[in-house]
Each structure stands twice: as C-alpha cells, then as structure tokens.
C-alpha cells in the first residue's frame, strides 16, 4: 500500500511539472504570436514606406501615447538591434532584416507548439495512470 501511495505521489508531482511546462509553453506561444503580428505590421509599413514620405503620421511613443510627426525620409530606417544599439538601414535591408526576424519567430513558435503537444501528451498519460491507480484501490 505504501508503494502505491509513493507511486501516486510521484505521478501527482509529474502532473504538476507537466502542467507548469504546459502553462509556460502556452505563454511562449501567445508571446511569439503577438510578436509575429507586430513584426508583420512593421513589415507592411516598411513595404509601404514610399507612401509615407513627407506625410503626417502618428508615431507611437509608448503606453498608448502618440505624437504627430512627419516622415522626411522613408528610404532609411533606424532599427533597434538589441542591447540598446540602433542601426540605420536602407529600406531594402530593413525588409530583409524584418523577414529574418519573422522567420526566426515563426521557427520559435513552431517549436513551442510542437513542445506543448509533447507535454500535453505526457500530461494526459500521467492523468490516465493516476486514474488507473485510483481505480485499482
């Protein structure tokens, strides 16, 4: 009987671990999906940048605040490349750069979805084993 309790406790612990992994992967999927949406919107804006030149825009400055601005030069973009560094890029190079970012995020999203499916399968197996152990008592 003590061995059954220990086995059930181990299964419950495994269930908690899988549930935690599942939640974490779900959050990563949501985050990656949101980032992909944002990157796609930026990609579209870059592709249509010639239409923006010398036009008045609303520029997002954070937390829902915008400032009126005017795109003087839509042939170059200043891009945050990480670590607080900015790089000036031509529109063509910026298009390539954003395409690479989208490709990387898409791969991360695919991996997270695949991993979540594996975790879900393992979680269901543990739940099945717990149900079977409860039924044999």
Foldseek 3Di string as FASTA:
>chain_A
DVVLVVVLVVLVVLLVVLVVLLVVLVVLLVVLVVVLVVLVVVLVCLVCLVVQAQHWDWDDPDPPHTDIDHHPDSQWDWDDPDPRDTDIDGSVVVNVVSVVVSVVSVVVNVVSVVVSVVSVVVSVVSVVVSVVSVVVD
